[in-house]
Amino acid sequence: LIVRLCDVLSSLRIHGVVFEDDTRSEAVAQILDFISAQTSVPIIGI
């Protein structure tokens, strides 16, 4: 998840990310929160 998101963020001009997944794992939210804090890219978990 981290590698794929970082690849996308570094290769495209992105103003924000809308993220949806089918898991019930809080780890996904923690990873997205970390990436948002490190990159300053807004992320919306839906």
All heavy atoms as atom14 arrays in JSON, in Angstrom:
{
  "sequence": "LIVRLCDVLSSLRIHGVVFEDDTRSEAVAQILDFISAQTSVPIIGI",
  "atom14_mask": [
    [1, 1, 1, 1, 1, 1, 1, 1, 0, 0, 0, 0, 0, 0],
    [1, 1, 1, 1, 1, 1, 1, 1, 0, 0, 0, 0, 0, 0],
    [1, 1, 1, 1, 1, 1, 1, 0, 0, 0, 0, 0, 0, 0],
    [1, 1, 1, 1, 1, 1, 1, 1, 1, 1, 1, 0, 0, 0],
    [1, 1, 1, 1, 1, 1, 1, 1, 0, 0, 0, 0, 0, 0],
    [1, 1, 1, 1, 1, 1, 0, 0, 0, 0, 0, 0, 0, 0],
    [1, 1, 1, 1, 1, 1, 1, 1, 0, 0, 0, 0, 0, 0],
    [1, 1, 1, 1, 1, 1, 1, 0, 0, 0, 0, 0, 0, 0],
    [1, 1, 1, 1, 1, 1, 1, 1, 0, 0, 0, 0, 0, 0],
    [1, 1, 1, 1, 1, 1, 0, 0, 0, 0, 0, 0, 0, 0],
    [1, 1, 1, 1, 1, 1, 0, 0, 0, 0, 0, 0, 0, 0],
    [1, 1, 1, 1, 1, 1, 1, 1, 0, 0, 0, 0, 0, 0],
    [1, 1, 1, 1, 1, 1, 1, 1, 1, 1, 1, 0, 0, 0],
    [1, 1, 1, 1, 1, 1, 1, 1, 0, 0, 0, 0, 0, 0],
    [1, 1, 1, 1, 1, 1, 1, 1, 1, 1, 0, 0, 0, 0],
    [1, 1, 1, 1, 0, 0, 0, 0, 0, 0, 0, 0, 0, 0],
    [1, 1, 1, 1, 1, 1, 1, 0, 0, 0, 0, 0, 0, 0],
    [1, 1, 1, 1, 1, 1, 1, 0, 0, 0, 0, 0, 0, 0],
    [1, 1, 1, 1, 1, 1, 1, 1, 1, 1, 1, 0, 0, 0],
    [1, 1, 1, 1, 1, 1, 1, 1, 1, 0, 0, 0, 0, 0],
    [1, 1, 1, 1, 1, 1, 1, 1, 0, 0, 0, 0, 0, 0],
    [1, 1, 1, 1, 1, 1, 1, 1, 0, 0, 0, 0, 0, 0],
    [1, 1, 1, 1, 1, 1, 1, 0, 0, 0, 0, 0, 0, 0],
    [1, 1, 1, 1, 1, 1, 1, 1, 1, 1, 1, 0, 0, 0],
    [1, 1, 1, 1, 1, 1, 0, 0, 0, 0, 0, 0, 0, 0],
    [1, 1, 1, 1, 1, 1, 1, 1, 1, 0, 0, 0, 0, 0],
    [1, 1, 1, 1, 1, 0, 0, 0, 0, 0, 0, 0, 0, 0],
    [1, 1, 1, 1, 1, 1, 1, 0, 0, 0, 0, 0, 0, 0],
    [1, 1, 1, 1, 1, 0, 0, 0, 0, 0, 0, 0, 0, 0],
    [1, 1, 1, 1, 1, 1, 1, 1, 1, 0, 0, 0, 0, 0],
    [1, 1, 1, 1, 1, 1, 1, 1, 0, 0, 0, 0, 0, 0],
    [1, 1, 1, 1, 1, 1, 1, 1, 0, 0, 0, 0, 0, 0],
    [1, 1, 1, 1, 1, 1, 1, 1, 0, 0, 0, 0, 0, 0],
    [1, 1, 1, 1, 1, 1, 1, 1, 1, 1, 1, 0, 0, 0],
    [1, 1, 1, 1, 1, 1, 1, 1, 0, 0, 0, 0, 0, 0],
    [1, 1, 1, 1, 1, 1, 0, 0, 0, 0, 0, 0, 0, 0],
    [1, 1, 1, 1, 1, 0, 0, 0, 0, 0, 0, 0, 0, 0],
    [1, 1, 1, 1, 1, 1, 1, 1, 1, 0, 0, 0, 0, 0],
    [1, 1, 1, 1, 1, 1, 1, 0, 0, 0, 0, 0, 0, 0],
    [1, 1, 1, 1, 1, 1, 0, 0, 0, 0, 0, 0, 0, 0],
    [1, 1, 1, 1, 1, 1, 1, 0, 0, 0, 0, 0, 0, 0],
    [1, 1, 1, 1, 1, 1, 1, 0, 0, 0, 0, 0, 0, 0],
    [1, 1, 1, 1, 1, 1, 1, 1, 0, 0, 0, 0, 0, 0],
    [1, 1, 1, 1, 1, 1, 1, 1, 0, 0, 0, 0, 0, 0],
    [1, 1, 1, 1, 0, 0, 0, 0, 0, 0, 0, 0, 0, 0],
    [1, 1, 1, 1, 1, 1, 1, 1, 0, 0, 0, 0, 0, 0]
  ],
  "atom14_positions": [
    [[0.82, -1.2, 0.0], [0.0, 0.0, 0.0], [0.86, 1.26, 0.0], [0.64, 2.18, -0.8], [-0.94, -0.01, 1.2], [-1.91, 1.16, 1.33], [-2.8, 1.28, 0.11], [-2.74, 0.99, 2.58], [0.0, 0.0, 0.0], [0.0, 0.0, 0.0], [0.0, 0.0, 0.0], [0.0, 0.0, 0.0], [0.0, 0.0, 0.0], [0.0, 0.0, 0.0]],
    [[1.86, 1.3, 0.86], [2.74, 2.48, 0.94], [3.51, 2.66, -0.37], [3.58, 3.77, -0.91], [3.7, 2.37, 2.14], [2.9, 2.48, 3.44], [4.78, 3.43, 2.08], [3.7, 2.16, 4.69], [0.0, 0.0, 0.0], [0.0, 0.0, 0.0], [0.0, 0.0, 0.0], [0.0, 0.0, 0.0], [0.0, 0.0, 0.0], [0.0, 0.0, 0.0]],
    [[4.08, 1.59, -0.9], [4.86, 1.68, -2.14], [3.99, 2.15, -3.3], [4.37, 3.05, -4.06], [5.54, 0.33, -2.46], [6.12, 0.32, -3.87], [6.63, 0.03, -1.44], [0.0, 0.0, 0.0], [0.0, 0.0, 0.0], [0.0, 0.0, 0.0], [0.0, 0.0, 0.0], [0.0, 0.0, 0.0], [0.0, 0.0, 0.0], [0.0, 0.0, 0.0]],
    [[2.79, 1.56, -3.43], [1.91, 1.94, -4.54], [1.47, 3.39, -4.44], [1.47, 4.12, -5.42], [0.68, 1.03, -4.58], [0.93, -0.41, -4.94], [1.12, -0.66, -6.43], [0.11, -0.13, -7.3], [-1.02, -0.72, -7.64], [-1.31, -1.9, -7.15], [-1.87, -0.15, -8.46], [0.0, 0.0, 0.0], [0.0, 0.0, 0.0], [0.0, 0.0, 0.0]],
    [[1.08, 3.82, -3.24], [0.66, 5.21, -3.08], [1.8, 6.18, -3.33], [1.62, 7.21, -3.98], [0.07, 5.43, -1.68], [-1.39, 5.07, -1.52], [-1.81, 5.17, -0.06], [-2.28, 5.96, -2.36], [0.0, 0.0, 0.0], [0.0, 0.0, 0.0], [0.0, 0.0, 0.0], [0.0, 0.0, 0.0], [0.0, 0.0, 0.0], [0.0, 0.0, 0.0]],
    [[2.97, 5.86, -2.83], [4.13, 6.74, -3.05], [4.49, 6.81, -4.53], [4.84, 7.87, -5.04], [5.32, 6.29, -2.21], [5.08, 6.62, -0.45], [0.0, 0.0, 0.0], [0.0, 0.0, 0.0], [0.0, 0.0, 0.0], [0.0, 0.0, 0.0], [0.0, 0.0, 0.0], [0.0, 0.0, 0.0], [0.0, 0.0, 0.0], [0.0, 0.0, 0.0]],
    [[4.39, 5.68, -5.25], [4.63, 5.69, -6.69], [3.66, 6.61, -7.42], [4.04, 7.4, -8.28], [4.53, 4.27, -7.27], [5.72, 3.4, -6.93], [6.75, 3.95, -6.47], [5.62, 2.17, -7.12], [0.0, 0.0, 0.0], [0.0, 0.0, 0.0], [0.0, 0.0, 0.0], [0.0, 0.0, 0.0], [0.0, 0.0, 0.0], [0.0, 0.0, 0.0]],
    [[2.38, 6.5, -7.06], [1.36, 7.35, -7.7], [1.6, 8.82, -7.37], [1.55, 9.68, -8.25], [-0.06, 6.91, -7.25], [-1.1, 7.91, -7.68], [-0.38, 5.53, -7.8], [0.0, 0.0, 0.0], [0.0, 0.0, 0.0], [0.0, 0.0, 0.0], [0.0, 0.0, 0.0], [0.0, 0.0, 0.0], [0.0, 0.0, 0.0], [0.0, 0.0, 0.0]],
    [[1.87, 9.11, -6.09], [2.07, 10.5, -5.68], [3.31, 11.12, -6.31], [3.33, 12.32, -6.6], [2.15, 10.59, -4.15], [0.86, 10.27, -3.39], [1.13, 10.25, -1.89], [-0.23, 11.26, -3.72], [0.0, 0.0, 0.0], [0.0, 0.0, 0.0], [0.0, 0.0, 0.0], [0.0, 0.0, 0.0], [0.0, 0.0, 0.0], [0.0, 0.0, 0.0]],
    [[4.33, 10.33, -6.54], [5.57, 10.88, -7.1], [5.52, 10.99, -8.63], [6.27, 11.76, -9.22], [6.77, 10.04, -6.68], [6.67, 8.74, -7.22], [0.0, 0.0, 0.0], [0.0, 0.0, 0.0], [0.0, 0.0, 0.0], [0.0, 0.0, 0.0], [0.0, 0.0, 0.0], [0.0, 0.0, 0.0], [0.0, 0.0, 0.0], [0.0, 0.0, 0.0]],
    [[4.63, 10.26, -9.28], [4.62, 10.26, -10.75], [3.54, 11.15, -11.35], [3.61, 11.48, -12.53], [4.45, 8.83, -11.28], [3.19, 8.32, -10.87], [0.0, 0.0, 0.0], [0.0, 0.0, 0.0], [0.0, 0.0, 0.0], [0.0, 0.0, 0.0], [0.0, 0.0, 0.0], [0.0, 0.0, 0.0], [0.0, 0.0, 0.0], [0.0, 0.0, 0.0]],
    [[2.57, 11.57, -10.59], [1.47, 12.38, -11.1], [1.3, 13.65, -10.27], [1.66, 13.69, -9.1], [0.15, 11.59, -11.05], [0.1, 10.28, -11.84], [-1.18, 9.53, -11.5], [0.16, 10.55, -13.33], [0.0, 0.0, 0.0], [0.0, 0.0, 0.0], [0.0, 0.0, 0.0], [0.0, 0.0, 0.0], [0.0, 0.0, 0.0], [0.0, 0.0, 0.0]],
    [[0.74, 14.67, -10.91], [0.39, 15.89, -10.17], [-0.98, 15.66, -9.55], [-2.0, 15.71, -10.22], [0.35, 17.09, -11.11], [1.72, 17.53, -11.55], [1.67, 18.8, -12.35], [0.99, 19.84, -11.57], [0.47, 20.94, -12.1], [0.54, 21.17, -13.38], [-0.11, 21.83, -11.32], [0.0, 0.0, 0.0], [0.0, 0.0, 0.0], [0.0, 0.0, 0.0]],
    [[-0.98, 15.37, -8.29], [-2.22, 15.02, -7.6], [-2.53, 16.09, -6.55], [-1.66, 16.52, -5.8], [-2.08, 13.64, -6.92], [-1.97, 12.58, -8.0], [-3.25, 13.37, -6.0], [-1.86, 11.18, -7.46], [0.0, 0.0, 0.0], [0.0, 0.0, 0.0], [0.0, 0.0, 0.0], [0.0, 0.0, 0.0], [0.0, 0.0, 0.0], [0.0, 0.0, 0.0]],
    [[-3.79, 16.5, -6.55], [-4.23, 17.5, -5.56], [-4.85, 16.85, -4.34], [-5.01, 17.48, -3.3], [-5.24, 18.45, -6.2], [-4.66, 19.24, -7.33], [-3.82, 20.3, -7.13], [-4.77, 19.08, -8.66], [-3.45, 20.78, -8.29], [-4.0, 20.05, -9.25], [0.0, 0.0, 0.0], [0.0, 0.0, 0.0], [0.0, 0.0, 0.0], [0.0, 0.0, 0.0]],
    [[-5.21, 15.58, -4.45], [-5.81, 14.86, -3.34], [-6.1, 13.43, -3.76], [-6.05, 13.09, -4.94], [0.0, 0.0, 0.0], [0.0, 0.0, 0.0], [0.0, 0.0, 0.0], [0.0, 0.0, 0.0], [0.0, 0.0, 0.0], [0.0, 0.0, 0.0], [0.0, 0.0, 0.0], [0.0, 0.0, 0.0], [0.0, 0.0, 0.0], [0.0, 0.0, 0.0]],
    [[-6.41, 12.59, -2.77], [-6.69, 11.19, -3.01], [-8.02, 10.85, -2.34], [-8.24, 11.21, -1.18], [-5.58, 10.29, -2.42], [-5.93, 8.81, -2.55], [-4.24, 10.59, -3.08], [0.0, 0.0, 0.0], [0.0, 0.0, 0.0], [0.0, 0.0, 0.0], [0.0, 0.0, 0.0], [0.0, 0.0, 0.0], [0.0, 0.0, 0.0], [0.0, 0.0, 0.0]],
    [[-8.89, 10.16, -3.08], [-10.11, 9.59, -2.51], [-9.86, 8.09, -2.45], [-9.56, 7.46, -3.46], [-11.35, 9.91, -3.36], [-12.58, 9.22, -2.78], [-11.57, 11.41, -3.45], [0.0, 0.0, 0.0], [0.0, 0.0, 0.0], [0.0, 0.0, 0.0], [0.0, 0.0, 0.0], [0.0, 0.0, 0.0], [0.0, 0.0, 0.0], [0.0, 0.0, 0.0]],
    [[-9.97, 7.51, -1.27], [-9.58, 6.12, -1.07], [-10.75, 5.32, -0.54], [-11.41, 5.71, 0.42], [-8.41, 6.05, -0.08], [-7.71, 4.73, -0.07], [-6.58, 4.52, -0.84], [-8.17, 3.68, 0.71], [-5.92, 3.3, -0.85], [-7.52, 2.46, 0.72], [-6.39, 2.27, -0.07], [0.0, 0.0, 0.0], [0.0, 0.0, 0.0], [0.0, 0.0, 0.0]],
    [[-11.0, 4.17, -1.18], [-12.03, 3.24, -0.74], [-11.44, 1.85, -0.77], [-10.71, 1.49, -1.69], [-13.24, 3.31, -1.67], [-14.32, 2.3, -1.35], [-15.49, 2.37, -2.3], [-15.36, 2.92, -3.4], [-16.55, 1.86, -1.92], [0.0, 0.0, 0.0], [0.0, 0.0, 0.0], [0.0, 0.0, 0.0], [0.0, 0.0, 0.0], [0.0, 0.0, 0.0]],
    [[-11.75, 1.05, 0.23], [-11.28, -0.33, 0.24], [-12.36, -1.21, 0.85], [-13.33, -0.72, 1.4], [-9.96, -0.45, 1.01], [-10.11, -0.09, 2.46], [-9.98, 1.11, 2.8], [-10.35, -1.0, 3.27], [0.0, 0.0, 0.0], [0.0, 0.0, 0.0], [0.0, 0.0, 0.0], [0.0, 0.0, 0.0], [0.0, 0.0, 0.0], [0.0, 0.0, 0.0]],
    [[-12.18, -2.51, 0.71], [-13.17, -3.46, 1.22], [-12.73, -4.14, 2.5], [-13.34, -5.11, 2.93], [-13.45, -4.54, 0.16], [-14.17, -3.97, -1.04], [-14.91, -2.98, -0.88], [-14.0, -4.51, -2.14], [0.0, 0.0, 0.0], [0.0, 0.0, 0.0], [0.0, 0.0, 0.0], [0.0, 0.0, 0.0], [0.0, 0.0, 0.0], [0.0, 0.0, 0.0]],
    [[-11.66, -3.64, 3.12], [-11.19, -4.27, 4.35], [-11.88, -3.63, 5.55], [-12.55, -2.61, 5.43], [-9.67, -4.09, 4.53], [-9.39, -2.73, 4.81], [-8.92, -4.55, 3.3], [0.0, 0.0, 0.0], [0.0, 0.0, 0.0], [0.0, 0.0, 0.0], [0.0, 0.0, 0.0], [0.0, 0.0, 0.0], [0.0, 0.0, 0.0], [0.0, 0.0, 0.0]],
    [[-11.71, -4.22, 6.69], [-12.18, -3.62, 7.94], [-10.99, -3.39, 8.85], [-11.11, -3.38, 10.05], [-13.19, -4.54, 8.6], [-14.48, -4.62, 7.84], [-15.46, -5.53, 8.54], [-16.6, -5.74, 7.7], [-16.69, -6.68, 6.78], [-15.7, -7.51, 6.6], [-17.76, -6.81, 6.05], [0.0, 0.0, 0.0], [0.0, 0.0, 0.0], [0.0, 0.0, 0.0]],
    [[-9.82, -3.2, 8.24], [-8.59, -3.09, 9.01], [-8.25, -1.63, 9.3], [-8.11, -0.82, 8.38], [-7.44, -3.74, 8.24], [-6.22, -3.48, 8.88], [0.0, 0.0, 0.0], [0.0, 0.0, 0.0], [0.0, 0.0, 0.0], [0.0, 0.0, 0.0], [0.0, 0.0, 0.0], [0.0, 0.0, 0.0], [0.0, 0.0, 0.0], [0.0, 0.0, 0.0]],
    [[-8.09, -1.33, 10.58], [-7.71, 0.02, 10.99], [-6.31, 0.37, 10.49], [-5.96, 1.54, 10.37], [-7.78, 0.14, 12.5], [-7.55, 1.53, 13.01], [-7.73, 1.64, 14.52], [-8.72, 1.11, 15.04], [-6.87, 2.27, 15.15], [0.0, 0.0, 0.0], [0.0, 0.0, 0.0], [0.0, 0.0, 0.0], [0.0, 0.0, 0.0], [0.0, 0.0, 0.0]],
    [[-5.51, -0.64, 10.17], [-4.16, -0.4, 9.68], [-4.17, 0.42, 8.4], [-3.28, 1.26, 8.18], [-3.43, -1.72, 9.45], [0.0, 0.0, 0.0], [0.0, 0.0, 0.0], [0.0, 0.0, 0.0], [0.0, 0.0, 0.0], [0.0, 0.0, 0.0], [0.0, 0.0, 0.0], [0.0, 0.0, 0.0], [0.0, 0.0, 0.0], [0.0, 0.0, 0.0]],
    [[-5.18, 0.23, 7.55], [-5.28, 1.01, 6.31], [-5.42, 2.5, 6.65], [-4.74, 3.35, 6.08], [-6.45, 0.53, 5.44], [-6.64, 1.44, 4.23], [-6.22, -0.91, 5.0], [0.0, 0.0, 0.0], [0.0, 0.0, 0.0], [0.0, 0.0, 0.0], [0.0, 0.0, 0.0], [0.0, 0.0, 0.0], [0.0, 0.0, 0.0], [0.0, 0.0, 0.0]],
    [[-6.28, 2.82, 7.6], [-6.48, 4.21, 8.0], [-5.2, 4.79, 8.59], [-4.83, 5.93, 8.31], [-7.62, 4.31, 9.01], [0.0, 0.0, 0.0], [0.0, 0.0, 0.0], [0.0, 0.0, 0.0], [0.0, 0.0, 0.0], [0.0, 0.0, 0.0], [0.0, 0.0, 0.0], [0.0, 0.0, 0.0], [0.0, 0.0, 0.0], [0.0, 0.0, 0.0]],
    [[-4.49, 4.01, 9.39], [-3.24, 4.5, 9.98], [-2.19, 4.78, 8.91], [-1.47, 5.76, 9.0], [-2.72, 3.49, 11.0], [-3.62, 3.38, 12.21], [-3.27, 2.2, 13.1], [-2.56, 1.29, 12.72], [-3.79, 2.23, 14.33], [0.0, 0.0, 0.0], [0.0, 0.0, 0.0], [0.0, 0.0, 0.0], [0.0, 0.0, 0.0], [0.0, 0.0, 0.0]],
    [[-2.11, 3.92, 7.9], [-1.15, 4.12, 6.81], [-1.5, 5.39, 6.03], [-0.63, 6.21, 5.72], [-1.12, 2.89, 5.88], [-0.49, 1.71, 6.61], [-0.38, 3.19, 4.58], [-0.68, 0.37, 5.91], [0.0, 0.0, 0.0], [0.0, 0.0, 0.0], [0.0, 0.0, 0.0], [0.0, 0.0, 0.0], [0.0, 0.0, 0.0], [0.0, 0.0, 0.0]],
    [[-2.78, 5.56, 5.7], [-3.2, 6.74, 4.95], [-2.97, 8.02, 5.75], [-2.56, 9.05, 5.19], [-4.66, 6.61, 4.54], [-4.98, 5.47, 3.57], [-6.48, 5.37, 3.35], [-4.25, 5.65, 2.25], [0.0, 0.0, 0.0], [0.0, 0.0, 0.0], [0.0, 0.0, 0.0], [0.0, 0.0, 0.0], [0.0, 0.0, 0.0], [0.0, 0.0, 0.0]],
    [[-3.21, 7.96, 7.03], [-2.96, 9.12, 7.9], [-1.47, 9.47, 7.89], [-1.09, 10.64, 7.76], [-3.44, 8.81, 9.32], [-3.29, 9.97, 10.27], [-3.62, 11.12, 9.89], [-2.85, 9.74, 11.41], [0.0, 0.0, 0.0], [0.0, 0.0, 0.0], [0.0, 0.0, 0.0], [0.0, 0.0, 0.0], [0.0, 0.0, 0.0], [0.0, 0.0, 0.0]],
    [[-0.62, 8.47, 7.99], [0.83, 8.67, 7.96], [1.27, 9.27, 6.63], [2.04, 10.24, 6.59], [1.54, 7.33, 8.21], [3.02, 7.39, 8.03], [3.83, 7.95, 9.01], [3.63, 6.91, 6.88], [5.21, 8.02, 8.85], [5.0, 6.96, 6.71], [5.8, 7.52, 7.69], [0.0, 0.0, 0.0], [0.0, 0.0, 0.0], [0.0, 0.0, 0.0]],
    [[0.78, 8.73, 5.53], [1.16, 9.24, 4.2], [0.7, 10.68, 4.03], [1.44, 11.52, 3.51], [0.6, 8.33, 3.08], [1.36, 7.0, 3.09], [0.71, 9.0, 1.72], [0.79, 5.95, 2.15], [0.0, 0.0, 0.0], [0.0, 0.0, 0.0], [0.0, 0.0, 0.0], [0.0, 0.0, 0.0], [0.0, 0.0, 0.0], [0.0, 0.0, 0.0]],
    [[-0.5, 10.99, 4.48], [-1.0, 12.37, 4.37], [-0.13, 13.32, 5.18], [0.21, 14.41, 4.73], [-2.44, 12.44, 4.86], [-2.9, 13.76, 4.85], [0.0, 0.0, 0.0], [0.0, 0.0, 0.0], [0.0, 0.0, 0.0], [0.0, 0.0, 0.0], [0.0, 0.0, 0.0], [0.0, 0.0, 0.0], [0.0, 0.0, 0.0], [0.0, 0.0, 0.0]],
    [[0.26, 12.91, 6.38], [1.09, 13.76, 7.23], [2.47, 13.98, 6.61], [3.04, 15.07, 6.68], [1.24, 13.15, 8.62], [0.0, 0.0, 0.0], [0.0, 0.0, 0.0], [0.0, 0.0, 0.0], [0.0, 0.0, 0.0], [0.0, 0.0, 0.0], [0.0, 0.0, 0.0], [0.0, 0.0, 0.0], [0.0, 0.0, 0.0], [0.0, 0.0, 0.0]],
    [[3.02, 12.94, 5.97], [4.37, 13.03, 5.4], [4.41, 13.79, 4.07], [5.42, 14.41, 3.75], [4.96, 11.63, 5.22], [5.15, 10.86, 6.51], [6.07, 11.59, 7.49], [7.14, 12.03, 7.13], [5.61, 11.72, 8.73], [0.0, 0.0, 0.0], [0.0, 0.0, 0.0], [0.0, 0.0, 0.0], [0.0, 0.0, 0.0], [0.0, 0.0, 0.0]],
    [[3.32, 13.71, 3.29], [3.33, 14.3, 1.94], [2.52, 15.58, 1.84], [2.59, 16.26, 0.82], [2.76, 13.29, 0.92], [1.4, 13.01, 1.26], [3.58, 12.02, 0.89], [0.0, 0.0, 0.0], [0.0, 0.0, 0.0], [0.0, 0.0, 0.0], [0.0, 0.0, 0.0], [0.0, 0.0, 0.0], [0.0, 0.0, 0.0], [0.0, 0.0, 0.0]],
    [[1.72, 15.89, 2.84], [0.81, 17.04, 2.82], [-0.25, 16.94, 1.74], [-0.81, 17.94, 1.3], [1.57, 18.36, 2.68], [2.44, 18.54, 3.78], [0.0, 0.0, 0.0], [0.0, 0.0, 0.0], [0.0, 0.0, 0.0], [0.0, 0.0, 0.0], [0.0, 0.0, 0.0], [0.0, 0.0, 0.0], [0.0, 0.0, 0.0], [0.0, 0.0, 0.0]],
    [[-0.52, 15.74, 1.27], [-1.57, 15.51, 0.28], [-2.86, 15.15, 1.02], [-2.86, 14.22, 1.84], [-1.18, 14.36, -0.69], [-2.35, 14.0, -1.6], [0.03, 14.74, -1.51], [0.0, 0.0, 0.0], [0.0, 0.0, 0.0], [0.0, 0.0, 0.0], [0.0, 0.0, 0.0], [0.0, 0.0, 0.0], [0.0, 0.0, 0.0], [0.0, 0.0, 0.0]],
    [[-3.95, 15.87, 0.74], [-5.22, 15.51, 1.38], [-5.69, 14.14, 0.91], [-5.64, 13.82, -0.28], [-6.18, 16.6, 0.89], [-5.34, 17.68, 0.35], [-4.06, 17.06, -0.1], [0.0, 0.0, 0.0], [0.0, 0.0, 0.0], [0.0, 0.0, 0.0], [0.0, 0.0, 0.0], [0.0, 0.0, 0.0], [0.0, 0.0, 0.0], [0.0, 0.0, 0.0]],
    [[-6.13, 13.33, 1.85], [-6.67, 12.01, 1.55], [-8.03, 11.89, 2.22], [-8.2, 12.24, 3.38], [-5.73, 10.89, 2.05], [-4.36, 10.98, 1.38], [-6.36, 9.51, 1.81], [-3.34, 9.96, 1.87], [0.0, 0.0, 0.0], [0.0, 0.0, 0.0], [0.0, 0.0, 0.0], [0.0, 0.0, 0.0], [0.0, 0.0, 0.0], [0.0, 0.0, 0.0]],
    [[-9.01, 11.39, 1.45], [-10.36, 11.19, 1.97], [-10.64, 9.69, 1.95], [-10.6, 9.06, 0.9], [-11.41, 11.93, 1.13], [-11.12, 13.43, 1.12], [-12.82, 11.67, 1.66], [-11.98, 14.23, 0.18], [0.0, 0.0, 0.0], [0.0, 0.0, 0.0], [0.0, 0.0, 0.0], [0.0, 0.0, 0.0], [0.0, 0.0, 0.0], [0.0, 0.0, 0.0]],
    [[-10.9, 9.12, 3.12], [-11.27, 7.7, 3.23], [-12.77, 7.58, 3.25], [-13.42, 8.16, 4.11], [0.0, 0.0, 0.0], [0.0, 0.0, 0.0], [0.0, 0.0, 0.0], [0.0, 0.0, 0.0], [0.0, 0.0, 0.0], [0.0, 0.0, 0.0], [0.0, 0.0, 0.0], [0.0, 0.0, 0.0], [0.0, 0.0, 0.0], [0.0, 0.0, 0.0]],
    [[-13.35, 6.84, 2.29], [-14.81, 6.83, 2.17], [-15.46, 5.49, 2.52], [-16.67, 5.43, 2.68], [-15.26, 7.26, 0.75], [-14.73, 6.3, -0.31], [-14.84, 8.68, 0.47], [-15.3, 6.56, -1.7], [0.0, 0.0, 0.0], [0.0, 0.0, 0.0], [0.0, 0.0, 0.0], [0.0, 0.0, 0.0], [0.0, 0.0, 0.0], [0.0, 0.0, 0.0]]
  ]
}
